[in-house]
C-alpha atoms as a PDB file:
ATOM      1  CA  MET A   1     124.888 115.418  50.089  1.00  0.00           C
ATOM      2  CA  PRO A   2     125.666 114.282  53.578  1.00  0.00           C
ATOM      3  CA  ASN A   3     122.539 113.050  55.790  1.00  0.00           C
ATOM      4  CA  SER A   4     121.973 115.628  58.550  1.00  0.00           C
ATOM      5  CA  PRO A   5     121.799 113.849  62.503  1.00  0.00           C
ATOM      6  CA  LEU A   6     118.445 115.145  62.596  1.00  0.00           C
ATOM      7  CA  PRO A   7     116.643 112.294  60.821  1.00  0.00           C
ATOM      8  CA  ARG A   8     118.825 109.861  62.108  1.00  0.00           C
ATOM      9  CA  ARG A   9     117.376 110.795  65.475  1.00  0.00           C
ATOM     10  CA  LEU A  10     113.918 111.156  64.546  1.00  0.00           C
ATOM     11  CA  CYS A  11     114.423 107.278  62.853  1.00  0.00           C
ATOM     12  CA  THR A  12     115.568 105.938  66.360  1.00  0.00           C
ATOM     13  CA  SER A  13     113.087 107.643  68.105  1.00  0.00           C
ATOM     14  CA  GLU A  14     110.214 106.029  66.122  1.00  0.00           C
ATOM     15  CA  HIS A  15     112.027 102.714  66.493  1.00  0.00           C
ATOM     16  CA  ARG A  16     111.901 102.806  70.229  1.00  0.00           C
ATOM     17  CA  ILE A  17     108.240 103.864  70.579  1.00  0.00           C
ATOM     18  CA  GLY A  18     107.551 100.934  67.939  1.00  0.00           C
ATOM     19  CA  LEU A  19     109.566  98.469  70.640  1.00  0.00           C
ATOM     20  CA  LEU A  20     108.080  99.573  73.463  1.00  0.00           C
ATOM     21  CA  VAL A  21     104.165  99.290  72.108  1.00  0.00           C
ATOM     22  CA  LEU A  22     105.508  95.609  70.669  1.00  0.00           C
ATOM     23  CA  ALA A  23     106.643  94.813  74.592  1.00  0.00           C
ATOM     24  CA  VAL A  24     103.577  96.114  75.981  1.00  0.00           C
ATOM     25  CA  ALA A  25     101.416  94.182  73.423  1.00  0.00           C
ATOM     26  CA  LEU A  26     103.545  90.990  74.396  1.00  0.00           C
ATOM     27  CA  LEU A  27     102.753  91.157  77.884  1.00  0.00           C
ATOM     28  CA  VAL A  28      98.869  91.803  77.252  1.00  0.00           C
ATOM     29  CA  GLY A  29      99.291  88.693  75.393  1.00  0.00           C
ATOM     30  CA  CYS A  30     101.084  86.825  77.837  1.00  0.00           C
ATOM     31  CA  ASN A  31      98.650  87.925  80.959  1.00  0.00           C
ATOM     32  CA  SER A  32      95.551  86.020  79.275  1.00  0.00           C
ATOM     33  CA  VAL A  33      97.023  82.848  79.658  1.00  0.00           C
ATOM     34  CA  PRO A  34      97.449  81.799  83.501  1.00  0.00           C
ATOM     35  CA  THR A  35     100.494  80.525  84.720  1.00  0.00           C
ATOM     36  CA  ARG A  36     101.059  77.340  86.676  1.00  0.00           C
ATOM     37  CA  ASP A  37     101.954  77.423  90.176  1.00  0.00           C
ATOM     38  CA  PRO A  38     104.718  74.902  90.861  1.00  0.00           C
ATOM     39  CA  GLU A  39     103.209  74.762  94.366  1.00  0.00           C
ATOM     40  CA  PHE A  40     100.099  73.156  92.958  1.00  0.00           C
ATOM     41  CA  ARG A  41     102.101  70.716  90.381  1.00  0.00           C
ATOM     42  CA  ALA A  42     100.814  67.154  90.218  1.00  0.00           C
ATOM     43  CA  ILE A  43     102.688  64.762  92.015  1.00  0.00           C
ATOM     44  CA  ARG A  44     104.119  61.575  90.630  1.00  0.00           C
ATOM     45  CA  PRO A  45     103.558  58.003  92.432  1.00  0.00           C
ATOM     46  CA  ARG A  46     106.777  56.621  93.610  1.00  0.00           C
ATOM     47  CA  ALA A  47     108.923  54.018  92.015  1.00  0.00           C
ATOM     48  CA  VAL A  48     107.928  50.314  93.052  1.00  0.00           C
ATOM     49  CA  PRO A  49     110.881  48.542  94.916  1.00  0.00           C
ATOM     50  CA  PRO A  50     112.377  45.320  92.496  1.00  0.00           C
ATOM     51  CA  PRO A  51     111.157  42.167  94.390  1.00  0.00           C
ATOM     52  CA  ARG A  52     113.350  40.735  96.692  1.00  0.00           C
ATOM     53  CA  PRO A  53     114.306  36.836  96.182  1.00  0.00           C
ATOM     54  CA  ALA A  54     112.000  34.371  97.595  1.00  0.00           C
ATOM     55  CA  ALA A  55     113.003  33.466 101.244  1.00  0.00           C
ATOM     56  CA  GLY A  56     110.863  30.053 101.428  1.00  0.00           C
ATOM     57  CA  ALA A  57     108.004  31.810 103.149  1.00  0.00           C
ATOM     58  CA  LEU A  58     104.837  33.546 102.542  1.00  0.00           C
ATOM     59  CA  TYR A  59     104.706  36.856 104.298  1.00  0.00           C
ATOM     60  CA  GLN A  60     108.344  38.663 103.366  1.00  0.00           C
ATOM     61  CA  PRO A  61     108.776  41.754 105.417  1.00  0.00           C
ATOM     62  CA  GLY A  62     109.083  44.940 103.674  1.00  0.00           C
ATOM     63  CA  TYR A  63     106.459  44.367 101.057  1.00  0.00           C
ATOM     64  CA  GLU A  64     103.046  46.217 101.567  1.00  0.00           C
ATOM     65  CA  LEU A  65     100.593  43.348 102.021  1.00  0.00           C
ATOM     66  CA  VAL A  66      97.209  44.309 101.458  1.00  0.00           C
ATOM     67  CA  LEU A  67      94.615  41.459 101.137  1.00  0.00           C
ATOM     68  CA  PHE A  68      91.658  44.010 100.017  1.00  0.00           C
ATOM     69  CA  GLU A  69      91.774  47.246  98.248  1.00  0.00           C
ATOM     70  CA  ASP A  70      89.422  49.626  96.766  1.00  0.00           C
ATOM     71  CA  ILE A  71      90.069  52.352  94.659  1.00  0.00           C
ATOM     72  CA  ARG A  72      90.342  55.066  97.171  1.00  0.00           C
ATOM     73  CA  ALA A  73      93.388  57.209  96.979  1.00  0.00           C
ATOM     74  CA  ARG A  74      96.242  56.122  99.704  1.00  0.00           C
ATOM     75  CA  ARG A  75      99.623  56.286  98.097  1.00  0.00           C
ATOM     76  CA  ILE A  76     101.651  59.551  96.765  1.00  0.00           C
ATOM     77  CA  GLY A  77     100.529  60.298  93.482  1.00  0.00           C
ATOM     78  CA  ASP A  78      96.755  58.795  93.385  1.00  0.00           C
ATOM     79  CA  ILE A  79      94.151  60.970  91.999  1.00  0.00           C
ATOM     80  CA  LEU A  80      91.412  61.772  94.547  1.00  0.00           C
ATOM     81  CA  HIS A  81      88.377  63.744  93.564  1.00  0.00           C
ATOM     82  CA  VAL A  82      87.097  66.673  95.464  1.00  0.00           C
ATOM     83  CA  ARG A  83      83.373  68.148  95.507  1.00  0.00           C
ATOM     84  CA  LEU A  84      84.121  71.920  95.790  1.00  0.00           C
ATOM     85  CA  ASP A  85      80.868  72.806  98.184  1.00  0.00           C
ATOM     86  CA  GLU A  86      81.955  75.716  99.822  1.00  0.00           C
ATOM     87  CA  SER A  87      79.210  78.318 100.511  1.00  0.00           C
ATOM     88  CA  THR A  88      79.341  81.254 103.363  1.00  0.00           C
ATOM     89  CA  ASP A  89      76.970  83.656 104.208  1.00  0.00           C
ATOM     90  CA  ALA A  90      77.901  86.648 106.511  1.00  0.00           C
ATOM     91  CA  SER A  91      76.174  89.753 108.083  1.00  0.00           C
ATOM     92  CA  LYS A  92      77.455  92.299 110.583  1.00  0.00           C
ATOM     93  CA  ASN A  93      75.823  95.067 111.919  1.00  0.00           C
ATOM     94  CA  SER A  94      77.186  98.070 113.969  1.00  0.00           C
ATOM     95  CA  GLU A  95      75.362 101.174 115.764  1.00  0.00           C
ATOM     96  CA  THR A  96      77.151 103.942 117.846  1.00  0.00           C
ATOM     97  CA  THR A  97      75.774 107.221 119.562  1.00  0.00           C
ATOM     98  CA  LEU A  98      77.588 109.213 121.831  1.00  0.00           C
ATOM     99  CA  ASP A  99      76.010 112.645 123.315  1.00  0.00           C
ATOM    100  CA  LYS A 100      77.915 114.626 125.907  1.00  0.00           C
ATOM    101  CA  SER A 101      76.918 117.829 127.175  1.00  0.00           C
ATOM    102  CA  HIS A 102      78.400 120.340 130.100  1.00  0.00           C
ATOM    103  CA  SER A 103      77.409 123.266 131.324  1.00  0.00           C
ATOM    104  CA  THR A 104      78.869 125.914 134.394  1.00  0.00           C
ATOM    105  CA  ASP A 105      77.949 129.012 135.883  1.00  0.00           C
ATOM    106  CA  ILE A 106      79.783 130.930 137.819  1.00  0.00           C
ATOM    107  CA  ALA A 107      77.984 133.931 139.736  1.00  0.00           C
ATOM    108  CA  ASN A 108      79.628 137.104 140.752  1.00  0.00           C
ATOM    109  CA  PRO A 109      80.787 136.946 143.953  1.00  0.00           C
ATOM    110  CA  THR A 110      80.274 138.785 146.788  1.00  0.00           C
ATOM    111  CA  ILE A 111      83.493 140.576 148.716  1.00  0.00           C
ATOM    112  CA  PHE A 112      82.974 142.296 151.816  1.00  0.00           C
ATOM    113  CA  GLY A 113      78.994 142.536 151.411  1.00  0.00           C
ATOM    114  CA  ALA A 114      79.499 144.131 147.825  1.00  0.00           C
ATOM    115  CA  ASN A 115      79.704 142.989 144.096  1.00  0.00           C
ATOM    116  CA  PRO A 116      82.916 143.758 142.684  1.00  0.00           C
ATOM    117  CA  GLN A 117      81.758 146.090 139.127  1.00  0.00           C
ATOM    118  CA  PHE A 118      84.147 146.961 136.513  1.00  0.00           C
ATOM    119  CA  ASN A 119      84.021 150.225 134.647  1.00  0.00           C
ATOM    120  CA  LEU A 120      85.117 149.759 131.007  1.00  0.00           C
ATOM    121  CA  PRO A 121      84.608 152.255 128.148  1.00  0.00           C
ATOM    122  CA  SER A 122      81.741 152.274 126.124  1.00  0.00           C
ATOM    123  CA  ALA A 123      83.694 151.661 123.200  1.00  0.00           C
ATOM    124  CA  VAL A 124      85.017 148.179 124.230  1.00  0.00           C
ATOM    125  CA  PRO A 125      82.030 145.559 122.793  1.00  0.00           C
ATOM    126  CA  LEU A 126      82.329 143.209 125.487  1.00  0.00           C
ATOM    127  CA  SER A 127      78.603 143.799 126.920  1.00  0.00           C
ATOM    128  CA  SER A 128      75.849 146.221 126.624  1.00  0.00           C
ATOM    129  CA  SER A 129      76.639 147.508 129.931  1.00  0.00           C
ATOM    130  CA  SER A 130      80.040 149.282 130.697  1.00  0.00           C
ATOM    131  CA  ASN A 131      79.775 147.940 134.422  1.00  0.00           C
ATOM    132  CA  LEU A 132      81.182 144.092 133.978  1.00  0.00           C
ATOM    133  CA  GLY A 133      81.387 141.525 137.322  1.00  0.00           C
ATOM    134  CA  LEU A 134      82.971 138.520 137.786  1.00  0.00           C
ATOM    135  CA  ARG A 135      79.861 136.054 136.503  1.00  0.00           C
ATOM    136  CA  THR A 136      81.456 133.036 134.401  1.00  0.00           C
ATOM    137  CA  ALA A 137      79.419 131.045 132.243  1.00  0.00           C
ATOM    138  CA  LEU A 138      80.669 127.947 130.284  1.00  0.00           C
ATOM    139  CA  SER A 139      78.765 125.536 128.009  1.00  0.00           C
ATOM    140  CA  SER A 140      79.794 122.398 125.824  1.00  0.00           C
ATOM    141  CA  LYS A 141      77.575 120.281 123.858  1.00  0.00           C
ATOM    142  CA  ASN A 142      79.342 117.423 121.379  1.00  0.00           C
ATOM    143  CA  ALA A 143      77.246 114.673 119.674  1.00  0.00           C
ATOM    144  CA  PHE A 144      78.489 111.712 117.636  1.00  0.00           C
ATOM    145  CA  SER A 145      76.353 109.103 115.943  1.00  0.00           C
ATOM    146  CA  GLY A 146      77.425 106.002 113.177  1.00  0.00           C
ATOM    147  CA  ASP A 147      75.785 103.009 111.585  1.00  0.00           C
ATOM    148  CA  SER A 148      77.397 100.369 109.709  1.00  0.00           C
ATOM    149  CA  LYS A 149      76.041  97.377 107.916  1.00  0.00           C
ATOM    150  CA  SER A 150      78.309  94.506 106.116  1.00  0.00           C
ATOM    151  CA  THR A 151      77.009  91.539 104.550  1.00  0.00           C
ATOM    152  CA  GLN A 152      79.007  89.195 102.324  1.00  0.00           C
ATOM    153  CA  SER A 153      77.585  85.657 100.475  1.00  0.00           C
ATOM    154  CA  ASN A 154      79.874  83.444  98.675  1.00  0.00           C
ATOM    155  CA  SER A 155      79.502  79.943  96.543  1.00  0.00           C
ATOM    156  CA  LEU A 156      81.479  77.875  94.948  1.00  0.00           C
ATOM    157  CA  LYS A 157      80.552  74.498  93.252  1.00  0.00           C
ATOM    158  CA  GLY A 158      82.364  71.917  90.876  1.00  0.00           C
ATOM    159  CA  THR A 159      84.656  69.102  91.187  1.00  0.00           C
ATOM    160  CA  ILE A 160      88.404  68.990  90.704  1.00  0.00           C
ATOM    161  CA  ALA A 161      90.766  65.872  90.662  1.00  0.00           C
ATOM    162  CA  VAL A 162      93.989  66.561  93.114  1.00  0.00           C
ATOM    163  CA  THR A 163      96.989  64.346  93.617  1.00  0.00           C
ATOM    164  CA  VAL A 164      97.988  62.995  96.635  1.00  0.00           C
ATOM    165  CA  ALA A 165     101.549  64.936  97.558  1.00  0.00           C
ATOM    166  CA  GLU A 166     102.799  63.115 100.761  1.00  0.00           C
ATOM    167  CA  VAL A 167     101.027  60.332 103.643  1.00  0.00           C
ATOM    168  CA  LEU A 168     101.607  61.635 107.076  1.00  0.00           C
ATOM    169  CA  PRO A 169     101.938  59.048 110.237  1.00  0.00           C
ATOM    170  CA  ASN A 170      98.640  59.048 111.054  1.00  0.00           C
ATOM    171  CA  GLY A 171      97.490  58.334 107.641  1.00  0.00           C
ATOM    172  CA  ASP A 172      96.292  61.316 106.752  1.00  0.00           C
ATOM    173  CA  LEU A 173      96.509  62.488 102.673  1.00  0.00           C
ATOM    174  CA  VAL A 174      98.287  65.509 101.908  1.00  0.00           C
ATOM    175  CA  VAL A 175      96.476  66.531  98.444  1.00  0.00           C
ATOM    176  CA  GLN A 176      97.219  69.216  95.900  1.00  0.00           C
ATOM    177  CA  GLY A 177      95.986  70.147  92.573  1.00  0.00           C
ATOM    178  CA  GLU A 178      94.806  72.801  89.990  1.00  0.00           C
ATOM    179  CA  LYS A 179      92.717  72.882  86.889  1.00  0.00           C
ATOM    180  CA  LEU A 180      93.258  75.718  84.224  1.00  0.00           C
ATOM    181  CA  PHE A 181      90.668  76.962  81.832  1.00  0.00           C
ATOM    182  CA  THR A 182      91.265  79.250  78.990  1.00  0.00           C
ATOM    183  CA  LEU A 183      87.909  80.290  77.221  1.00  0.00           C
ATOM    184  CA  ASN A 184      87.523  83.219  74.355  1.00  0.00           C
ATOM    185  CA  GLN A 185      88.045  86.157  75.937  1.00  0.00           C
ATOM    186  CA  GLY A 186      90.042  85.262  79.405  1.00  0.00           C
ATOM    187  CA  SER A 187      90.740  82.386  81.495  1.00  0.00           C
ATOM    188  CA  GLU A 188      90.297  80.980  84.531  1.00  0.00           C
ATOM    189  CA  HIS A 189      91.957  78.829  87.361  1.00  0.00           C
ATOM    190  CA  ILE A 190      91.246  76.516  90.251  1.00  0.00           C
ATOM    191  CA  ARG A 191      93.814  75.369  92.920  1.00  0.00           C
ATOM    192  CA  ILE A 192      93.124  73.640  96.176  1.00  0.00           C
ATOM    193  CA  SER A 193      95.247  71.944  98.643  1.00  0.00           C
ATOM    194  CA  GLY A 194      95.000  70.544 102.009  1.00  0.00           C
ATOM    195  CA  ILE A 195      94.694  67.538 104.503  1.00  0.00           C
ATOM    196  CA  VAL A 196      92.082  64.647 103.808  1.00  0.00           C
ATOM    197  CA  ARG A 197      91.440  61.752 106.202  1.00  0.00           C
ATOM    198  CA  SER A 198      91.179  58.478 104.858  1.00  0.00           C
ATOM    199  CA  ALA A 199      87.996  57.607 107.017  1.00  0.00           C
ATOM    200  CA  ASP A 200      86.582  60.889 104.917  1.00  0.00           C
ATOM    201  CA  ILE A 201      86.967  59.508 101.526  1.00  0.00           C
ATOM    202  CA  GLU A 202      83.978  58.048 100.082  1.00  0.00           C
ATOM    203  CA  PRO A 203      84.056  54.326  98.451  1.00  0.00           C
ATOM    204  CA  ASP A 204      83.968  56.149  94.760  1.00  0.00           C
ATOM    205  CA  ASP A 205      87.524  58.063  95.311  1.00  0.00           C
ATOM    206  CA  THR A 206      85.463  61.770  96.148  1.00  0.00           C
ATOM    207  CA  VAL A 207      85.628  63.685  99.211  1.00  0.00           C
ATOM    208  CA  SER A 208      83.995  66.995  99.933  1.00  0.00           C
ATOM    209  CA  SER A 209      86.008  70.122 100.102  1.00  0.00           C
ATOM    210  CA  THR A 210      83.990  70.796 103.391  1.00  0.00           C
ATOM    211  CA  ARG A 211      85.738  67.690 104.928  1.00  0.00           C
ATOM    212  CA  ILE A 212      89.706  69.301 104.165  1.00  0.00           C
ATOM    213  CA  ALA A 213      91.433  70.337 107.102  1.00  0.00           C
ATOM    214  CA  ASN A 214      93.789  73.348 106.535  1.00  0.00           C
ATOM    215  CA  ALA A 215      92.247  73.569 102.616  1.00  0.00           C
ATOM    216  CA  ARG A 216      93.424  76.581 100.689  1.00  0.00           C
ATOM    217  CA  VAL A 217      91.175  77.052  97.910  1.00  0.00           C
ATOM    218  CA  ILE A 218      91.784  79.560  94.896  1.00  0.00           C
ATOM    219  CA  TYR A 219      89.256  80.765  92.188  1.00  0.00           C
ATOM    220  CA  ALA A 220      90.466  83.402  90.134  1.00  0.00           C
ATOM    221  CA  GLY A 221      90.376  84.503  86.306  1.00  0.00           C
ATOM    222  CA  GLU A 222      92.591  86.676  83.996  1.00  0.00           C
ATOM    223  CA  GLY A 223      91.933  88.463  80.367  1.00  0.00           C
ATOM    224  CA  ALA A 224      89.578  91.122  78.992  1.00  0.00           C
ATOM    225  CA  THR A 225      86.468  89.543  81.098  1.00  0.00           C
ATOM    226  CA  ALA A 226      88.344  89.724  84.671  1.00  0.00           C
ATOM    227  CA  ASP A 227      89.846  93.077  84.021  1.00  0.00           C
ATOM    228  CA  ALA A 228      86.615  94.884  83.382  1.00  0.00           C
ATOM    229  CA  ASN A 229      85.649  93.629  86.562  1.00  0.00           C
ATOM    230  CA  VAL A 230      88.571  95.267  88.238  1.00  0.00           C
ATOM    231  CA  ILE A 231      88.259  99.125  89.504  1.00  0.00           C
ATOM    232  CA  GLY A 232      91.673 101.283  88.273  1.00  0.00           C
ATOM    233  CA  TRP A 233      94.469 102.460  90.439  1.00  0.00           C
ATOM    234  CA  LEU A 234      92.948 105.724  90.576  1.00  0.00           C
ATOM    235  CA  GLY A 235      89.372 104.971  91.891  1.00  0.00           C
ATOM    236  CA  ARG A 236      90.780 102.666  94.306  1.00  0.00           C
ATOM    237  CA  PHE A 237      92.756 105.445  95.789  1.00  0.00           C
ATOM    238  CA  PHE A 238      89.523 107.503  96.382  1.00  0.00           C
ATOM    239  CA  ILE A 239      87.758 104.845  98.192  1.00  0.00           C
ATOM    240  CA  SER A 240      90.909 103.696 100.317  1.00  0.00           C
ATOM    241  CA  ALA A 241      91.595 104.760 103.716  1.00  0.00           C
ATOM    242  CA  LEU A 242      94.458 107.080 102.322  1.00  0.00           C
ATOM    243  CA  PHE A 243      91.692 109.527 100.893  1.00  0.00           C
ATOM    244  CA  PRO A 244      91.430 112.351 103.367  1.00  0.00           C
ATOM    245  CA  PHE A 245      87.537 113.487 102.665  1.00  0.00           C
END
């Protein structure tokens, strides 16, 4: 008996579901490992040019003459140790109170010594009396009160080794580097870049992160631990400015 096309379609559907589940599992597994950012890749030292033939003098033009040199970074590819001493503390308070009231009362005018009156049917519910004049009264009152408070505190301590990516004409060093951690249930990475003044580098080849100009410091995590501290997309909608209530 020939096979009916229905089992084939069911089998194909099951295979598609299985492939979809496998693809999602692979994506989740790949996300647990942080990827390296090419912008923070290590810079290799430049190749040393071959020595020129001796010309019979002690000083040869084109060579870097250094009579004394320590371990501080100064060339492209040299390693510099950065101490992360970042600490910020900010607080902001705001309070606003608005109150506005308005009142207008226009008396019934006197025309030729008499106050005009209008006789209305008693069935019209405009007043307790059927005789109405031109007296008018308006009043309004608006009030607003608002109070807000915001406090933020951050701290980052540690050490990271970076490499010199560029030496500027004034002697300042452009440094960049990253450090990756792969732990039990997640990964963390630290990335830093900026400009360091040679005079701020200490004799032990270290510099504080507070001395780095145009500093860019990134500290983030990936994996199960980081995902547990992230609010879902539906929860973000209810606390965003798009939620109308």
